Amino acid sequence: MKESSLKEYARLIAVTGANVQKDQEVVLHAEPDQPEFVFLLTEECYKAGASRVRVEWGFQPLMELHTRYQTLETLSQLADWEVEKLRSTARLLPAVIYLDSADPDGLANADAEKMVRARQAKYPIEKPFLDAMENRHQWCVAAVPGQAWAEKVFPALKGEEAVEKLWEAILQASRAEKDPAEAWRAHNEDLAGRCRYLNSLGLASLEYRAGNGTRLKVGLIPDALFLGGRETTIDGCPFNPNIPSEEIFISPMRGEAEGVVCATKPLSYRGQLIEDFHFRFQDGKVAELGAGKNQELLRRLVAMDEGAPFLGECALIPQNSPINRSGLLFYNTLFDENASCHLALGAGFTNCIRGYQELSLEECRRRGINDSMIHQDFMIGTEDLSVTGRTRDGRQVPIFRDGGWAF
């Protein structure tokens, strides 16, 4: 991939995505698949004004090794220095960039039960710091190709040829091929216009129907808002949390979901793939589930905590989205969730509440935003999906027909 193209992509992530501010610290999470790009991205963060860039490396094989050899007690502990790092991060409010290149099957041999129990043990310690940062700093998730991931997406190719092909797909999906800043300005304006229309309707619920068996009704919070594309911190700093992003989303009312929904793409969760799965919701909660592959892993996901079986997000994306038109299955939620409509189990978004800036997190959650240690998207879009909105004054409004916008 040409260095000029990679520099443009790095600038897009630093400026349009994380929108690094003058004298702000940056935390960059990455795996060692593309160190040259990490260098370019770090430099772009400094050019944008960063006072310091801290790169935190992750490595799936080491994670699997730690899980295998450490006792559950050790794996479940946060060292004193890790707690202090969380405390410092919550105080400094850095821009945080997550650069994903993980192998979709990279933790297939890890002890999933042990990993889940360790995560459950550490989360109560982490949660106060995460809550203190919510809506108060910019963050951005983007991707670069790892070889194992590239060969999964393009099984007929190997090595550098597969990596180059995935680079091309990532840049195209991320609107990073030609004048990325202008492309994202126009894209954000389009998404904002659709949000304004949806927010003008006074919707009380969304009803999903598809030929694969999806029949689901989801209740909405009276003062919730649809969001999409650019977001802002409480202090008014704009940023784009996902590159790419095609979605318009809302957090539904906790406890108001009834019916069956069928997933239409595999879910990559903790380095393993869950395939051919469905959920049945009753009183807003997953009452039944099934999967053709890794059903037990899906059960562990839904049982992570009290909020995990409830919905935290409803996202609308037309089937003619650029990612879906590419015909690729990325085996990566960042991309596959932006190919078509999706839902998410777990935590909702408190900034979906009108006037959230004046409310505490607890007040947002009392109004119906779900709280959980997880937020797991899964794809439900089909060519025949219809979504109908029911307004608070009893009208039915077509939102989606035949997999696309009805307005």
Protein backbone atom coordinates (compact mmCIF):
# COMPACT_ATOMS: atom_id res chain seq x y z
CA MET A 1 0.00 0.00 0.00
CA LYS A 2 1.37 3.44 -0.94
CA GLU A 3 2.76 5.41 1.99
CA SER A 4 0.85 8.51 0.86
CA SER A 5 -2.45 6.61 1.18
CA LEU A 6 -1.50 5.31 4.61
CA LYS A 7 -0.59 8.83 5.78
CA GLU A 8 -3.99 10.09 4.65
CA TYR A 9 -5.67 7.25 6.56
CA ALA A 10 -3.60 7.96 9.67
CA ARG A 11 -4.54 11.66 9.46
CA LEU A 12 -8.21 10.69 9.10
CA ILE A 13 -8.07 8.62 12.30
CA ALA A 14 -6.16 11.25 14.29
CA VAL A 15 -8.09 14.34 13.14
CA THR A 16 -11.56 13.29 12.00
CA GLY A 17 -11.81 10.19 14.17
CA ALA A 18 -10.23 10.98 17.54
CA ASN A 19 -9.96 14.73 16.83
CA VAL A 20 -6.85 15.03 19.00
CA GLN A 21 -6.75 18.42 20.72
CA LYS A 22 -3.75 20.65 21.41
CA ASP A 23 -1.79 19.44 24.46
CA GLN A 24 -4.06 16.41 24.88
CA GLU A 25 -2.58 13.01 25.68
CA VAL A 26 -3.35 10.06 23.39
CA VAL A 27 -3.53 6.36 24.24
CA LEU A 28 -3.15 4.11 21.19
CA HIS A 29 -4.01 0.42 21.52
CA ALA A 30 -2.56 -1.79 18.77
CA GLU A 31 -1.31 -5.29 17.95
CA PRO A 32 2.14 -5.76 16.33
CA ASP A 33 0.79 -6.45 12.81
CA GLN A 34 1.45 -3.02 11.28
CA PRO A 35 4.18 -1.25 13.30
CA GLU A 36 4.96 1.08 10.40
CA PHE A 37 1.37 2.33 10.40
CA VAL A 38 1.43 2.74 14.19
CA PHE A 39 4.45 5.02 13.64
CA LEU A 40 2.54 7.05 11.02
CA LEU A 41 -0.53 7.34 13.23
CA THR A 42 1.56 8.37 16.24
CA GLU A 43 3.19 11.09 14.16
CA GLU A 44 -0.20 12.37 12.96
CA CYS A 45 -1.40 12.56 16.57
CA TYR A 46 1.63 14.72 17.42
CA LYS A 47 1.00 16.90 14.36
CA ALA A 48 -2.58 17.38 15.56
CA GLY A 49 -1.25 18.73 18.86
CA ALA A 50 -0.87 15.73 21.17
CA SER A 51 1.38 16.36 24.16
CA ARG A 52 2.21 12.67 24.55
CA VAL A 53 1.23 9.46 22.73
CA ARG A 54 1.28 6.23 24.74
CA VAL A 55 1.20 3.08 22.61
CA GLU A 56 -0.13 0.00 24.39
CA TRP A 57 0.59 -3.24 22.56
CA GLY A 58 -1.58 -6.33 22.71
CA PHE A 59 -0.81 -9.78 21.31
CA GLN A 60 -3.36 -12.59 21.09
CA PRO A 61 -0.87 -15.48 21.45
CA LEU A 62 0.38 -13.95 24.70
CA MET A 63 -3.19 -13.55 25.94
CA GLU A 64 -3.80 -17.23 25.24
CA LEU A 65 -0.54 -18.12 27.03
CA HIS A 66 -1.40 -16.05 30.10
CA THR A 67 -4.84 -17.66 30.25
CA ARG A 68 -3.36 -21.15 30.02
CA TYR A 69 -0.67 -20.80 32.69
CA GLN A 70 -1.95 -18.27 35.21
CA THR A 71 -4.29 -19.42 37.95
CA LEU A 72 -7.79 -18.01 37.85
CA GLU A 73 -6.99 -16.04 41.00
CA THR A 74 -3.96 -14.37 39.40
CA LEU A 75 -5.73 -13.79 36.09
CA SER A 76 -8.61 -12.11 37.95
CA GLN A 77 -6.42 -9.56 39.74
CA LEU A 78 -5.54 -6.02 38.76
CA ALA A 79 -2.08 -5.07 40.00
CA ASP A 80 -1.71 -1.83 41.96
CA TRP A 81 0.03 -0.17 39.00
CA GLU A 82 -2.85 -1.16 36.70
CA VAL A 83 -5.35 0.50 39.04
CA GLU A 84 -3.19 3.62 39.20
CA LYS A 85 -3.02 3.70 35.41
CA LEU A 86 -6.82 3.56 35.24
CA ARG A 87 -7.03 6.35 37.81
CA SER A 88 -4.59 8.50 35.84
CA THR A 89 -6.41 7.88 32.56
CA ALA A 90 -9.76 8.86 34.10
CA ARG A 91 -8.19 12.06 35.41
CA LEU A 92 -6.33 13.06 32.23
CA LEU A 93 -9.13 12.14 29.77
CA PRO A 94 -6.87 11.29 26.80
CA ALA A 95 -8.09 10.69 23.28
CA VAL A 96 -8.15 6.88 22.97
CA ILE A 97 -7.59 5.09 19.65
CA TYR A 98 -8.18 1.36 19.21
CA LEU A 99 -6.43 -0.04 16.14
CA ASP A 100 -7.90 -3.48 15.44
CA SER A 101 -6.04 -6.15 13.47
CA ALA A 102 -6.97 -9.26 15.46
CA ASP A 103 -7.22 -12.76 14.04
CA PRO A 104 -10.94 -13.70 14.17
CA ASP A 105 -9.94 -17.19 15.37
CA GLY A 106 -6.94 -16.07 17.40
CA LEU A 107 -8.26 -17.25 20.77
CA ALA A 108 -10.08 -20.35 19.56
CA ASN A 109 -7.90 -22.57 21.78
CA ALA A 110 -8.06 -20.36 24.87
CA ASP A 111 -10.04 -21.34 27.96
CA ALA A 112 -13.14 -19.23 27.33
CA GLU A 113 -14.70 -19.94 30.74
CA LYS A 114 -11.54 -18.88 32.54
CA MET A 115 -11.32 -15.67 30.50
CA VAL A 116 -14.95 -14.81 31.23
CA ARG A 117 -14.61 -15.37 34.98
CA ALA A 118 -11.44 -13.27 35.12
CA ARG A 119 -13.17 -10.45 33.23
CA GLN A 120 -16.15 -10.60 35.59
CA ALA A 121 -13.84 -10.36 38.60
CA LYS A 122 -11.91 -7.32 37.30
CA TYR A 123 -14.84 -5.33 35.95
CA PRO A 124 -16.16 -4.00 39.31
CA ILE A 125 -12.73 -2.45 39.91
CA GLU A 126 -12.59 -0.94 36.41
CA LYS A 127 -16.18 0.32 36.28
CA PRO A 128 -15.85 3.47 38.42
CA PHE A 129 -13.01 4.71 36.21
CA LEU A 130 -14.88 3.85 32.99
CA ASP A 131 -17.99 5.64 34.27
CA ALA A 132 -15.89 8.70 35.13
CA MET A 133 -14.72 8.90 31.50
CA GLU A 134 -18.05 8.24 29.78
CA ASN A 135 -18.99 11.04 27.36
CA ARG A 136 -16.00 13.10 28.56
CA HIS A 137 -13.28 12.17 26.07
CA GLN A 138 -12.89 11.37 22.39
CA TRP A 139 -12.27 7.83 21.21
CA CYS A 140 -12.04 6.09 17.86
CA VAL A 141 -11.98 2.47 16.68
CA ALA A 142 -10.33 1.81 13.31
CA ALA A 143 -8.51 -1.12 11.72
CA VAL A 144 -5.37 -2.26 9.94
CA PRO A 145 -4.83 -5.70 8.39
CA GLY A 146 -3.16 -8.55 10.20
CA GLN A 147 -2.01 -11.48 8.07
CA ALA A 148 -4.23 -14.08 9.76
CA TRP A 149 -7.25 -11.80 9.48
CA ALA A 150 -6.47 -11.01 5.83
CA GLU A 151 -6.18 -14.69 4.91
CA LYS A 152 -9.53 -15.34 6.63
CA VAL A 153 -11.25 -12.66 4.53
CA PHE A 154 -9.44 -13.68 1.32
CA PRO A 155 -8.85 -17.45 1.67
CA ALA A 156 -7.54 -17.79 -1.89
CA LEU A 157 -4.66 -15.42 -1.13
CA LYS A 158 -1.66 -15.77 1.17
CA GLY A 159 0.78 -13.51 2.98
CA GLU A 160 1.46 -10.02 1.65
CA GLU A 161 -1.00 -10.47 -1.23
CA ALA A 162 -3.86 -11.05 1.23
CA VAL A 163 -2.71 -8.18 3.45
CA GLU A 164 -2.59 -5.78 0.49
CA LYS A 165 -6.09 -6.84 -0.56
CA LEU A 166 -7.42 -6.23 2.95
CA TRP A 167 -5.71 -2.82 3.05
CA GLU A 168 -7.64 -1.91 -0.11
CA ALA A 169 -10.92 -3.10 1.41
CA ILE A 170 -10.33 -1.23 4.69
CA LEU A 171 -9.51 2.06 2.97
CA GLN A 172 -12.50 1.78 0.65
CA ALA A 173 -14.91 0.95 3.49
CA SER A 174 -13.44 3.79 5.57
CA ARG A 175 -14.00 6.42 2.85
CA ALA A 176 -10.25 7.02 2.93
CA GLU A 177 -9.36 6.67 -0.75
CA LYS A 178 -9.92 10.24 -2.02
CA ASP A 179 -10.05 13.42 0.08
CA PRO A 180 -11.07 11.57 3.25
CA ALA A 181 -11.80 14.72 5.27
CA GLU A 182 -14.32 16.00 2.70
CA ALA A 183 -15.85 12.54 2.26
CA TRP A 184 -16.48 12.32 6.02
CA ARG A 185 -17.83 15.88 6.21
CA ALA A 186 -20.48 15.02 3.60
CA HIS A 187 -21.16 11.61 5.16
CA ASN A 188 -21.67 13.11 8.61
CA GLU A 189 -24.09 15.68 7.17
CA ASP A 190 -26.16 12.95 5.50
CA LEU A 191 -26.37 10.90 8.70
CA ALA A 192 -27.28 14.00 10.74
CA GLY A 193 -30.15 14.80 8.35
CA ARG A 194 -31.62 11.31 8.71
CA CYS A 195 -31.32 11.55 12.50
CA ARG A 196 -33.22 14.85 12.48
CA TYR A 197 -36.10 13.26 10.56
CA LEU A 198 -36.29 10.19 12.80
CA ASN A 199 -36.12 12.33 15.93
CA SER A 200 -39.02 14.45 14.64
CA LEU A 201 -41.40 11.45 14.53
CA GLY A 202 -41.91 10.85 18.24
CA LEU A 203 -41.41 7.10 17.94
CA ALA A 204 -42.54 4.77 20.73
CA SER A 205 -41.31 1.50 19.23
CA LEU A 206 -39.63 -0.22 16.28
CA GLU A 207 -41.04 -3.41 14.73
CA TYR A 208 -38.73 -5.69 12.72
CA ARG A 209 -39.91 -8.27 10.15
CA ALA A 210 -37.90 -10.51 7.81
CA GLY A 211 -38.42 -13.77 5.94
CA ASN A 212 -35.78 -15.59 8.00
CA GLY A 213 -38.08 -15.63 11.03
CA THR A 214 -37.27 -12.26 12.59
CA ARG A 215 -40.38 -10.89 14.32
CA LEU A 216 -39.33 -8.40 16.99
CA LYS A 217 -40.83 -5.34 18.67
CA VAL A 218 -38.56 -3.01 20.64
CA GLY A 219 -39.78 -0.16 22.87
CA LEU A 220 -38.04 3.22 22.84
CA ILE A 221 -37.32 5.68 25.65
CA PRO A 222 -39.57 8.77 25.35
CA ASP A 223 -36.69 11.29 25.42
CA ALA A 224 -34.13 9.17 23.52
CA LEU A 225 -32.48 10.43 20.35
CA PHE A 226 -31.16 8.75 17.20
CA LEU A 227 -27.47 9.46 16.65
CA GLY A 228 -25.07 8.70 13.80
CA GLY A 229 -21.61 9.57 12.56
CA ARG A 230 -20.08 12.49 14.41
CA GLU A 231 -20.62 12.69 18.17
CA THR A 232 -19.54 15.24 20.77
CA THR A 233 -18.19 15.05 24.31
CA ILE A 234 -20.03 16.76 27.16
CA ASP A 235 -17.68 19.71 26.63
CA GLY A 236 -18.67 19.92 22.96
CA CYS A 237 -15.61 18.40 21.28
CA PRO A 238 -16.66 16.56 18.07
CA PHE A 239 -15.23 13.18 17.08
CA ASN A 240 -16.11 10.11 15.01
CA PRO A 241 -15.98 7.03 17.28
CA ASN A 242 -16.01 4.45 14.47
CA ILE A 243 -14.14 4.42 11.17
CA PRO A 244 -15.92 3.11 9.19
CA SER A 245 -19.48 3.93 10.28
CA GLU A 246 -22.72 3.77 8.31
CA GLU A 247 -25.17 3.45 11.20
CA ILE A 248 -27.91 5.52 12.73
CA PHE A 249 -28.58 4.16 16.20
CA ILE A 250 -30.62 4.57 19.34
CA SER A 251 -30.58 2.93 22.76
CA PRO A 252 -33.96 1.26 23.44
CA MET A 253 -35.95 1.05 26.64
CA ARG A 254 -34.55 -1.63 28.93
CA GLY A 255 -37.10 -4.38 29.43
CA GLU A 256 -39.18 -3.68 26.31
CA ALA A 257 -38.36 -6.24 23.62
CA GLU A 258 -40.62 -9.08 22.52
CA GLY A 259 -40.16 -11.69 19.82
CA VAL A 260 -37.50 -13.50 17.82
CA VAL A 261 -34.52 -12.11 15.93
CA CYS A 262 -32.16 -14.10 13.68
CA ALA A 263 -28.53 -13.12 13.13
CA THR A 264 -27.43 -12.89 9.50
CA LYS A 265 -23.62 -12.82 9.86
CA PRO A 266 -21.15 -14.66 12.12
CA LEU A 267 -20.15 -12.95 15.36
CA SER A 268 -16.46 -12.77 16.28
CA TYR A 269 -16.36 -12.83 20.07
CA ARG A 270 -13.18 -13.22 22.15
CA GLY A 271 -11.25 -14.65 19.23
CA GLN A 272 -13.91 -17.23 18.28
CA LEU A 273 -16.76 -17.27 15.75
CA ILE A 274 -20.40 -17.80 16.74
CA GLU A 275 -22.52 -18.72 13.73
CA ASP A 276 -26.17 -19.32 12.74
CA PHE A 277 -27.68 -17.97 15.95
CA HIS A 278 -30.95 -16.45 17.13
CA PHE A 279 -32.52 -14.99 20.26
CA ARG A 280 -36.05 -14.96 21.63
CA PHE A 281 -36.82 -11.98 23.84
CA GLN A 282 -39.48 -11.89 26.53
CA ASP A 283 -40.04 -8.91 28.82
CA GLY A 284 -37.02 -7.32 27.21
CA LYS A 285 -34.63 -10.13 28.10
CA VAL A 286 -33.12 -13.05 26.18
CA ALA A 287 -35.34 -15.97 27.18
CA GLU A 288 -34.01 -18.49 24.67
CA LEU A 289 -31.09 -18.75 22.26
CA GLY A 290 -29.63 -21.16 19.75
CA ALA A 291 -26.52 -21.33 17.57
CA GLY A 292 -25.14 -23.66 14.94
CA LYS A 293 -21.58 -23.06 16.16
CA ASN A 294 -20.26 -22.09 19.61
CA GLN A 295 -23.66 -22.04 21.31
CA GLU A 296 -22.07 -22.41 24.75
CA LEU A 297 -19.88 -19.37 24.12
CA LEU A 298 -23.04 -17.44 23.20
CA ARG A 299 -24.61 -18.52 26.50
CA ARG A 300 -21.56 -17.22 28.37
CA LEU A 301 -21.87 -13.89 26.58
CA VAL A 302 -25.52 -13.52 27.57
CA ALA A 303 -24.71 -14.49 31.18
CA MET A 304 -21.82 -12.05 31.67
CA ASP A 305 -23.82 -9.91 34.11
CA GLU A 306 -27.35 -8.79 34.95
CA GLY A 307 -27.57 -6.39 32.00
CA ALA A 308 -26.06 -8.66 29.33
CA PRO A 309 -29.36 -10.32 28.23
CA PHE A 310 -31.01 -6.93 27.54
CA LEU A 311 -30.68 -4.77 24.44
CA GLY A 312 -28.47 -1.69 24.49
CA GLU A 313 -28.68 -0.56 20.85
CA CYS A 314 -30.81 -0.65 17.72
CA ALA A 315 -28.83 0.41 14.63
CA LEU A 316 -30.22 1.09 11.15
CA ILE A 317 -28.02 0.57 8.07
CA PRO A 318 -29.30 0.01 4.52
CA GLN A 319 -28.32 -3.11 2.60
CA ASN A 320 -26.78 -0.91 -0.12
CA SER A 321 -24.14 0.37 2.30
CA PRO A 322 -20.60 0.44 0.81
CA ILE A 323 -19.47 -2.42 3.05
CA ASN A 324 -22.38 -4.64 2.09
CA ARG A 325 -21.94 -3.79 -1.61
CA SER A 326 -18.34 -4.98 -1.39
CA GLY A 327 -19.67 -8.52 -0.92
CA LEU A 328 -17.04 -9.21 1.74
CA LEU A 329 -17.56 -10.87 5.08
CA PHE A 330 -14.89 -9.23 7.25
CA TYR A 331 -15.27 -11.51 10.31
CA ASN A 332 -14.84 -8.29 12.28
CA THR A 333 -17.70 -6.52 14.04
CA LEU A 334 -16.43 -3.01 13.24
CA PHE A 335 -16.99 -3.70 9.54
CA ASP A 336 -19.72 -6.32 9.50
CA GLU A 337 -21.97 -4.27 11.82
CA ASN A 338 -21.79 -1.46 9.27
CA ALA A 339 -22.87 -3.71 6.42
CA SER A 340 -26.48 -3.97 7.58
CA CYS A 341 -28.85 -3.38 10.47
CA HIS A 342 -27.74 -4.67 13.83
CA LEU A 343 -28.71 -4.87 17.48
CA ALA A 344 -26.46 -4.99 20.52
CA LEU A 345 -26.73 -6.84 23.79
CA GLY A 346 -25.56 -5.09 26.93
CA ALA A 347 -24.73 -1.47 27.67
CA GLY A 348 -26.68 1.32 26.06
CA PHE A 349 -25.45 4.82 25.25
CA THR A 350 -26.29 7.48 27.81
CA ASN A 351 -25.67 10.24 25.26
CA CYS A 352 -28.78 9.01 23.42
CA ILE A 353 -30.86 10.71 26.12
CA ARG A 354 -31.94 14.26 25.29
CA GLY A 355 -30.12 16.63 27.64
CA TYR A 356 -27.79 13.92 28.95
CA GLN A 357 -25.21 16.62 29.69
CA GLU A 358 -27.33 17.76 32.62
CA LEU A 359 -27.99 14.24 33.94
CA SER A 360 -25.89 11.79 35.92
CA LEU A 361 -25.20 8.31 34.50
CA GLU A 362 -27.56 6.91 37.14
CA GLU A 363 -30.36 9.25 35.99
CA CYS A 364 -29.86 8.20 32.36
CA ARG A 365 -30.04 4.55 33.39
CA ARG A 366 -33.18 5.12 35.47
CA ARG A 367 -34.81 6.51 32.33
CA GLY A 368 -34.22 3.18 30.58
CA ILE A 369 -30.61 3.00 29.34
CA ASN A 370 -29.28 -0.52 29.97
CA ASP A 371 -26.06 -0.95 31.95
CA SER A 372 -23.67 -3.86 31.48
CA MET A 373 -19.99 -4.77 31.28
CA ILE A 374 -20.53 -5.83 27.65
CA HIS A 375 -21.76 -4.14 24.49
CA GLN A 376 -21.91 -6.78 21.79
CA ASP A 377 -23.27 -5.99 18.32
CA PHE A 378 -24.78 -8.68 16.10
CA MET A 379 -26.04 -8.30 12.55
CA ILE A 380 -29.69 -8.81 11.55
CA GLY A 381 -30.03 -7.06 8.17
CA THR A 382 -31.56 -8.86 5.18
CA GLU A 383 -32.67 -7.92 1.67
CA ASP A 384 -36.32 -8.16 2.77
CA LEU A 385 -36.05 -6.57 6.22
CA SER A 386 -38.78 -4.12 7.09
CA VAL A 387 -38.70 -1.79 10.09
CA THR A 388 -41.87 0.05 11.04
CA GLY A 389 -41.98 2.79 13.62
CA ARG A 390 -45.02 3.29 15.81
CA THR A 391 -45.39 6.86 17.07
CA ARG A 392 -46.60 7.92 20.49
CA ASP A 393 -49.82 9.19 18.94
CA GLY A 394 -50.52 5.77 17.33
CA ARG A 395 -49.34 6.29 13.73
CA GLN A 396 -47.29 3.70 11.83
CA VAL A 397 -44.35 5.10 9.87
CA PRO A 398 -42.25 3.03 7.43
CA ILE A 399 -38.56 3.30 8.35
CA PHE A 400 -37.11 0.43 6.27
CA ARG A 401 -38.58 -1.50 3.37
CA ASP A 402 -36.78 -4.28 1.47
CA GLY A 403 -33.60 -3.69 3.43
CA GLY A 404 -33.33 0.03 2.69
CA TRP A 405 -34.51 3.42 3.88
CA ALA A 406 -38.21 4.05 3.30
CA PHE A 407 -37.74 7.83 3.36
